[in-house]
Amino acid sequence: MLMVQVDFRKDNGSTITEKVVWVDASWDLKPGNLVEFCAEPGIWKVMKVYKTQIAAANLNKKWGLDLPKSQRTER
């Protein structure tokens, strides 16, 4: 499965929330599309879809998520 990075924005009237998420490239998202995530209530607007696509299996390796916790750099 290929993954693509997408910028999302949610405006609930009083605050604007933005996030960048890796999603399945087969969704074929375009700027202006509206998306709802199961874990995040509300409607998110697609702001930008990056061109780079990466296999899902390689995504964890690129970010070091396949390493043991003792070797990861995030805290």
PDB file of N, CA and C in Angstrom:
ATOM      1  N   MET A   1       0.846  -1.170   0.000  1.00  0.00           N
ATOM      2  CA  MET A   1       0.000   0.000   0.000  1.00  0.00           C
ATOM      3  C   MET A   1       0.895   1.237   0.000  1.00  0.00           C
ATOM      4  N   LEU A   2       0.598   2.172  -0.877  1.00  0.00           N
ATOM      5  CA  LEU A   2       1.346   3.423  -0.927  1.00  0.00           C
ATOM      6  C   LEU A   2       0.682   4.457  -0.032  1.00  0.00           C
ATOM      7  N   MET A   3       1.517   5.244   0.621  1.00  0.00           N
ATOM      8  CA  MET A   3       1.041   6.293   1.519  1.00  0.00           C
ATOM      9  C   MET A   3       1.483   7.643   0.974  1.00  0.00           C
ATOM     10  N   VAL A   4       0.682   8.674   1.241  1.00  0.00           N
ATOM     11  CA  VAL A   4       0.999  10.031   0.816  1.00  0.00           C
ATOM     12  C   VAL A   4       0.739  10.964   2.001  1.00  0.00           C
ATOM     13  N   GLN A   5       1.528  12.037   2.080  1.00  0.00           N
ATOM     14  CA  GLN A   5       1.401  12.986   3.175  1.00  0.00           C
ATOM     15  C   GLN A   5       0.400  14.072   2.786  1.00  0.00           C
ATOM     16  N   VAL A   6      -0.517  14.402   3.715  1.00  0.00           N
ATOM     17  CA  VAL A   6      -1.583  15.356   3.437  1.00  0.00           C
ATOM     18  C   VAL A   6      -1.713  16.343   4.596  1.00  0.00           C
ATOM     19  N   ASP A   7      -1.868  17.643   4.258  1.00  0.00           N
ATOM     20  CA  ASP A   7      -2.156  18.679   5.250  1.00  0.00           C
ATOM     21  C   ASP A   7      -3.660  18.802   5.405  1.00  0.00           C
ATOM     22  N   PHE A   8      -4.146  18.726   6.648  1.00  0.00           N
ATOM     23  CA  PHE A   8      -5.575  18.870   6.945  1.00  0.00           C
ATOM     24  C   PHE A   8      -5.794  20.065   7.857  1.00  0.00           C
ATOM     25  N   ARG A   9      -6.975  20.677   7.753  1.00  0.00           N
ATOM     26  CA  ARG A   9      -7.352  21.788   8.632  1.00  0.00           C
ATOM     27  C   ARG A   9      -8.808  21.603   9.051  1.00  0.00           C
ATOM     28  N   LYS A  10      -9.065  21.871  10.346  1.00  0.00           N
ATOM     29  CA  LYS A  10     -10.427  21.818  10.877  1.00  0.00           C
ATOM     30  C   LYS A  10     -10.721  23.150  11.547  1.00  0.00           C
ATOM     31  N   ASP A  11     -11.817  23.774  11.167  1.00  0.00           N
ATOM     32  CA  ASP A  11     -12.242  25.051  11.739  1.00  0.00           C
ATOM     33  C   ASP A  11     -13.556  24.824  12.469  1.00  0.00           C
ATOM     34  N   ASN A  12     -13.525  24.940  13.806  1.00  0.00           N
ATOM     35  CA  ASN A  12     -14.760  24.726  14.561  1.00  0.00           C
ATOM     36  C   ASN A  12     -15.394  26.037  15.021  1.00  0.00           C
ATOM     37  N   GLY A  13     -15.015  27.137  14.378  1.00  0.00           N
ATOM     38  CA  GLY A  13     -15.606  28.428  14.707  1.00  0.00           C
ATOM     39  C   GLY A  13     -14.729  29.264  15.619  1.00  0.00           C
ATOM     40  N   SER A  14     -14.265  28.677  16.719  1.00  0.00           N
ATOM     41  CA  SER A  14     -13.441  29.437  17.660  1.00  0.00           C
ATOM     42  C   SER A  14     -11.952  29.131  17.516  1.00  0.00           C
ATOM     43  N   THR A  15     -11.624  27.951  17.005  1.00  0.00           N
ATOM     44  CA  THR A  15     -10.212  27.586  16.811  1.00  0.00           C
ATOM     45  C   THR A  15     -10.027  26.876  15.475  1.00  0.00           C
ATOM     46  N   ILE A  16      -8.818  26.989  14.962  1.00  0.00           N
ATOM     47  CA  ILE A  16      -8.442  26.267  13.748  1.00  0.00           C
ATOM     48  C   ILE A  16      -7.348  25.281  14.135  1.00  0.00           C
ATOM     49  N   THR A  17      -7.545  24.020  13.776  1.00  0.00           N
ATOM     50  CA  THR A  17      -6.577  22.971  14.065  1.00  0.00           C
ATOM     51  C   THR A  17      -6.014  22.467  12.747  1.00  0.00           C
ATOM     52  N   GLU A  18      -4.693  22.343  12.689  1.00  0.00           N
ATOM     53  CA  GLU A  18      -4.043  21.827  11.492  1.00  0.00           C
ATOM     54  C   GLU A  18      -3.205  20.616  11.858  1.00  0.00           C
ATOM     55  N   LYS A  19      -3.109  19.656  10.922  1.00  0.00           N
ATOM     56  CA  LYS A  19      -2.260  18.494  11.147  1.00  0.00           C
ATOM     57  C   LYS A  19      -1.802  17.954   9.804  1.00  0.00           C
ATOM     58  N   VAL A  20      -0.661  17.283   9.836  1.00  0.00           N
ATOM     59  CA  VAL A  20      -0.114  16.607   8.665  1.00  0.00           C
ATOM     60  C   VAL A  20      -0.180  15.113   8.954  1.00  0.00           C
ATOM     61  N   VAL A  21      -0.758  14.350   8.020  1.00  0.00           N
ATOM     62  CA  VAL A  21      -1.019  12.934   8.246  1.00  0.00           C
ATOM     63  C   VAL A  21      -0.607  12.133   7.014  1.00  0.00           C
ATOM     64  N   TRP A  22      -0.050  10.944   7.233  1.00  0.00           N
ATOM     65  CA  TRP A  22       0.189  10.000   6.147  1.00  0.00           C
ATOM     66  C   TRP A  22      -1.091   9.197   5.968  1.00  0.00           C
ATOM     67  N   VAL A  23      -1.645   9.185   4.746  1.00  0.00           N
ATOM     68  CA  VAL A  23      -2.864   8.436   4.459  1.00  0.00           C
ATOM     69  C   VAL A  23      -2.651   7.561   3.229  1.00  0.00           C
ATOM     70  N   ASP A  24      -3.552   6.641   3.014  1.00  0.00           N
ATOM     71  CA  ASP A  24      -3.512   5.744   1.865  1.00  0.00           C
ATOM     72  C   ASP A  24      -3.643   6.559   0.575  1.00  0.00           C
ATOM     73  N   ALA A  25      -2.692   6.401  -0.334  1.00  0.00           N
ATOM     74  CA  ALA A  25      -2.695   7.157  -1.588  1.00  0.00           C
ATOM     75  C   ALA A  25      -3.899   6.807  -2.456  1.00  0.00           C
ATOM     76  N   SER A  26      -4.488   5.624  -2.269  1.00  0.00           N
ATOM     77  CA  SER A  26      -5.643   5.227  -3.074  1.00  0.00           C
ATOM     78  C   SER A  26      -6.889   6.065  -2.761  1.00  0.00           C
ATOM     79  N   TRP A  27      -6.848   6.834  -1.663  1.00  0.00           N
ATOM     80  CA  TRP A  27      -7.966   7.726  -1.365  1.00  0.00           C
ATOM     81  C   TRP A  27      -8.079   8.815  -2.427  1.00  0.00           C
ATOM     82  N   ASP A  28      -6.967   9.097  -3.136  1.00  0.00           N
ATOM     83  CA  ASP A  28      -6.934  10.083  -4.218  1.00  0.00           C
ATOM     84  C   ASP A  28      -7.486  11.436  -3.762  1.00  0.00           C
ATOM     85  N   LEU A  29      -6.975  11.919  -2.626  1.00  0.00           N
ATOM     86  CA  LEU A  29      -7.441  13.187  -2.077  1.00  0.00           C
ATOM     87  C   LEU A  29      -6.941  14.359  -2.900  1.00  0.00           C
ATOM     88  N   LYS A  30      -7.745  15.417  -2.950  1.00  0.00           N
ATOM     89  CA  LYS A  30      -7.416  16.653  -3.640  1.00  0.00           C
ATOM     90  C   LYS A  30      -7.677  17.811  -2.680  1.00  0.00           C
ATOM     91  N   PRO A  31      -6.945  18.923  -2.828  1.00  0.00           N
ATOM     92  CA  PRO A  31      -7.239  20.091  -1.984  1.00  0.00           C
ATOM     93  C   PRO A  31      -8.712  20.482  -2.111  1.00  0.00           C
ATOM     94  N   GLY A  32      -9.324  20.726  -0.963  1.00  0.00           N
ATOM     95  CA  GLY A  32     -10.733  21.076  -0.919  1.00  0.00           C
ATOM     96  C   GLY A  32     -11.640  19.927  -0.526  1.00  0.00           C
ATOM     97  N   ASN A  33     -11.152  18.669  -0.628  1.00  0.00           N
ATOM     98  CA  ASN A  33     -11.952  17.522  -0.195  1.00  0.00           C
ATOM     99  C   ASN A  33     -12.200  17.605   1.305  1.00  0.00           C
ATOM    100  N   LEU A  34     -13.314  17.057   1.747  1.00  0.00           N
ATOM    101  CA  LEU A  34     -13.646  16.997   3.166  1.00  0.00           C
ATOM    102  C   LEU A  34     -13.555  15.551   3.622  1.00  0.00           C
ATOM    103  N   VAL A  35     -12.925  15.350   4.787  1.00  0.00           N
ATOM    104  CA  VAL A  35     -12.662  14.014   5.313  1.00  0.00           C
ATOM    105  C   VAL A  35     -13.063  13.976   6.779  1.00  0.00           C
ATOM    106  N   GLU A  36     -13.570  12.817   7.214  1.00  0.00           N
ATOM    107  CA  GLU A  36     -13.855  12.603   8.630  1.00  0.00           C
ATOM    108  C   GLU A  36     -13.062  11.401   9.093  1.00  0.00           C
ATOM    109  N   PHE A  37     -12.311  11.553  10.191  1.00  0.00           N
ATOM    110  CA  PHE A  37     -11.522  10.467  10.756  1.00  0.00           C
ATOM    111  C   PHE A  37     -12.284   9.838  11.921  1.00  0.00           C
ATOM    112  N   CYS A  38     -12.158   8.529  12.065  1.00  0.00           N
ATOM    113  CA  CYS A  38     -12.854   7.816  13.153  1.00  0.00           C
ATOM    114  C   CYS A  38     -12.402   8.308  14.521  1.00  0.00           C
ATOM    115  N   ALA A  39     -11.103   8.494  14.697  1.00  0.00           N
ATOM    116  CA  ALA A  39     -10.558   8.862  16.005  1.00  0.00           C
ATOM    117  C   ALA A  39     -10.620  10.363  16.286  1.00  0.00           C
ATOM    118  N   GLU A  40     -10.929  11.170  15.276  1.00  0.00           N
ATOM    119  CA  GLU A  40     -10.971  12.630  15.424  1.00  0.00           C
ATOM    120  C   GLU A  40     -12.338  13.125  14.962  1.00  0.00           C
ATOM    121  N   PRO A  41     -13.224  13.453  15.870  1.00  0.00           N
ATOM    122  CA  PRO A  41     -14.542  13.917  15.447  1.00  0.00           C
ATOM    123  C   PRO A  41     -14.456  15.245  14.699  1.00  0.00           C
ATOM    124  N   GLY A  42     -15.364  15.442  13.787  1.00  0.00           N
ATOM    125  CA  GLY A  42     -15.404  16.681  13.016  1.00  0.00           C
ATOM    126  C   GLY A  42     -14.962  16.462  11.584  1.00  0.00           C
ATOM    127  N   ILE A  43     -15.178  17.467  10.775  1.00  0.00           N
ATOM    128  CA  ILE A  43     -14.838  17.423   9.359  1.00  0.00           C
ATOM    129  C   ILE A  43     -13.525  18.160   9.140  1.00  0.00           C
ATOM    130  N   TRP A  44     -12.600  17.502   8.444  1.00  0.00           N
ATOM    131  CA  TRP A  44     -11.287  18.058   8.137  1.00  0.00           C
ATOM    132  C   TRP A  44     -11.217  18.383   6.646  1.00  0.00           C
ATOM    133  N   LYS A  45     -10.681  19.544   6.311  1.00  0.00           N
ATOM    134  CA  LYS A  45     -10.539  19.957   4.919  1.00  0.00           C
ATOM    135  C   LYS A  45      -9.110  19.684   4.463  1.00  0.00           C
ATOM    136  N   VAL A  46      -8.965  19.099   3.277  1.00  0.00           N
ATOM    137  CA  VAL A  46      -7.643  18.841   2.704  1.00  0.00           C
ATOM    138  C   VAL A  46      -7.089  20.171   2.184  1.00  0.00           C
ATOM    139  N   MET A  47      -5.924  20.571   2.687  1.00  0.00           N
ATOM    140  CA  MET A  47      -5.301  21.825   2.270  1.00  0.00           C
ATOM    141  C   MET A  47      -4.219  21.595   1.208  1.00  0.00           C
ATOM    142  N   LYS A  48      -3.451  20.516   1.379  1.00  0.00           N
ATOM    143  CA  LYS A  48      -2.359  20.231   0.453  1.00  0.00           C
ATOM    144  C   LYS A  48      -2.101  18.735   0.432  1.00  0.00           C
ATOM    145  N   VAL A  49      -1.848  18.196  -0.758  1.00  0.00           N
ATOM    146  CA  VAL A  49      -1.476  16.799  -0.912  1.00  0.00           C
ATOM    147  C   VAL A  49      -0.078  16.780  -1.519  1.00  0.00           C
ATOM    148  N   TYR A  50       0.871  16.193  -0.806  1.00  0.00           N
ATOM    149  CA  TYR A  50       2.242  16.136  -1.296  1.00  0.00           C
ATOM    150  C   TYR A  50       2.372  15.074  -2.374  1.00  0.00           C
ATOM    151  N   LYS A  51       3.334  15.229  -3.260  1.00  0.00           N
ATOM    152  CA  LYS A  51       3.500  14.317  -4.398  1.00  0.00           C
ATOM    153  C   LYS A  51       4.233  13.033  -4.035  1.00  0.00           C
ATOM    154  N   THR A  52       5.103  13.080  -3.041  1.00  0.00           N
ATOM    155  CA  THR A  52       5.907  11.916  -2.682  1.00  0.00           C
ATOM    156  C   THR A  52       5.020  10.810  -2.112  1.00  0.00           C
ATOM    157  N   GLN A  53       5.179   9.618  -2.661  1.00  0.00           N
ATOM    158  CA  GLN A  53       4.466   8.449  -2.143  1.00  0.00           C
ATOM    159  C   GLN A  53       5.498   7.443  -1.658  1.00  0.00           C
ATOM    160  N   ILE A  54       5.178   6.756  -0.571  1.00  0.00           N
ATOM    161  CA  ILE A  54       6.101   5.790   0.016  1.00  0.00           C
ATOM    162  C   ILE A  54       5.302   4.553   0.440  1.00  0.00           C
ATOM    163  N   ALA A  55       5.916   3.411   0.301  1.00  0.00           N
ATOM    164  CA  ALA A  55       5.254   2.168   0.727  1.00  0.00           C
ATOM    165  C   ALA A  55       5.060   2.198   2.238  1.00  0.00           C
ATOM    166  N   ALA A  56       3.919   1.726   2.682  1.00  0.00           N
ATOM    167  CA  ALA A  56       3.606   1.735   4.108  1.00  0.00           C
ATOM    168  C   ALA A  56       4.651   0.964   4.911  1.00  0.00           C
ATOM    169  N   ALA A  57       5.172  -0.112   4.352  1.00  0.00           N
ATOM    170  CA  ALA A  57       6.181  -0.906   5.050  1.00  0.00           C
ATOM    171  C   ALA A  57       7.457  -0.107   5.294  1.00  0.00           C
ATOM    172  N   ASN A  58       7.782   0.806   4.401  1.00  0.00           N
ATOM    173  CA  ASN A  58       8.987   1.618   4.544  1.00  0.00           C
ATOM    174  C   ASN A  58       8.769   2.855   5.403  1.00  0.00           C
ATOM    175  N   LEU A  59       7.552   3.248   5.607  1.00  0.00           N
ATOM    176  CA  LEU A  59       7.255   4.446   6.389  1.00  0.00           C
ATOM    177  C   LEU A  59       7.763   4.316   7.813  1.00  0.00           C
ATOM    178  N   ASN A  60       7.519   3.183   8.457  1.00  0.00           N
ATOM    179  CA  ASN A  60       7.984   2.978   9.827  1.00  0.00           C
ATOM    180  C   ASN A  60       9.502   3.005   9.894  1.00  0.00           C
ATOM    181  N   LYS A  61      10.175   2.454   8.897  1.00  0.00           N
ATOM    182  CA  LYS A  61      11.637   2.440   8.891  1.00  0.00           C
ATOM    183  C   LYS A  61      12.197   3.837   8.724  1.00  0.00           C
ATOM    184  N   LYS A  62      11.587   4.634   7.869  1.00  0.00           N
ATOM    185  CA  LYS A  62      12.075   5.984   7.618  1.00  0.00           C
ATOM    186  C   LYS A  62      12.045   6.827   8.896  1.00  0.00           C
ATOM    187  N   TRP A  63      11.015   6.671   9.700  1.00  0.00           N
ATOM    188  CA  TRP A  63      10.861   7.471  10.898  1.00  0.00           C
ATOM    189  C   TRP A  63      11.432   6.789  12.135  1.00  0.00           C
ATOM    190  N   GLY A  64      12.000   5.607  11.978  1.00  0.00           N
ATOM    191  CA  GLY A  64      12.617   4.917  13.101  1.00  0.00           C
ATOM    192  C   GLY A  64      11.628   4.273  14.047  1.00  0.00           C
ATOM    193  N   LEU A  65      10.369   4.137  13.614  1.00  0.00           N
ATOM    194  CA  LEU A  65       9.355   3.569  14.495  1.00  0.00           C
ATOM    195  C   LEU A  65       9.505   2.074  14.672  1.00  0.00           C
ATOM    196  N   ASP A  66      10.306   1.438  13.819  1.00  0.00           N
ATOM    197  CA  ASP A  66      10.528   0.003  13.955  1.00  0.00           C
ATOM    198  C   ASP A  66      11.650  -0.302  14.940  1.00  0.00           C
ATOM    199  N   LEU A  67      12.321   0.720  15.446  1.00  0.00           N
ATOM    200  CA  LEU A  67      13.402   0.535  16.412  1.00  0.00           C
ATOM    201  C   LEU A  67      12.841   0.268  17.802  1.00  0.00           C
ATOM    202  N   PRO A  68      13.610  -0.401  18.648  1.00  0.00           N
ATOM    203  CA  PRO A  68      13.185  -0.556  20.047  1.00  0.00           C
ATOM    204  C   PRO A  68      13.065   0.815  20.706  1.00  0.00           C
ATOM    205  N   LYS A  69      12.184   0.939  21.685  1.00  0.00           N
ATOM    206  CA  LYS A  69      11.968   2.241  22.334  1.00  0.00           C
ATOM    207  C   LYS A  69      13.262   2.844  22.879  1.00  0.00           C
ATOM    208  N   SER A  70      14.180   2.026  23.318  1.00  0.00           N
ATOM    209  CA  SER A  70      15.429   2.542  23.888  1.00  0.00           C
ATOM    210  C   SER A  70      16.289   3.230  22.831  1.00  0.00           C
ATOM    211  N   GLN A  71      16.070   2.954  21.549  1.00  0.00           N
ATOM    212  CA  GLN A  71      16.864   3.550  20.473  1.00  0.00           C
ATOM    213  C   GLN A  71      16.136   4.690  19.755  1.00  0.00           C
ATOM    214  N   ARG A  72      14.907   4.931  20.103  1.00  0.00           N
ATOM    215  CA  ARG A  72      14.157   6.012  19.447  1.00  0.00           C
ATOM    216  C   ARG A  72      14.567   7.358  20.008  1.00  0.00           C
ATOM    217  N   THR A  73      14.379   8.384  19.213  1.00  0.00           N
ATOM    218  CA  THR A  73      14.792   9.724  19.638  1.00  0.00           C
ATOM    219  C   THR A  73      13.642  10.562  20.187  1.00  0.00           C
ATOM    220  N   GLU A  74      12.373  10.164  19.944  1.00  0.00           N
ATOM    221  CA  GLU A  74      11.279  10.987  20.459  1.00  0.00           C
ATOM    222  C   GLU A  74      11.145  10.795  21.957  1.00  0.00           C
ATOM    223  N   ARG A  75      10.677  11.769  22.624  1.00  0.00           N
ATOM    224  CA  ARG A  75      10.486  11.714  24.082  1.00  0.00           C
ATOM    225  C   ARG A  75       9.133  12.252  24.425  1.00  0.00           C
TER     226      ARG A  75
END
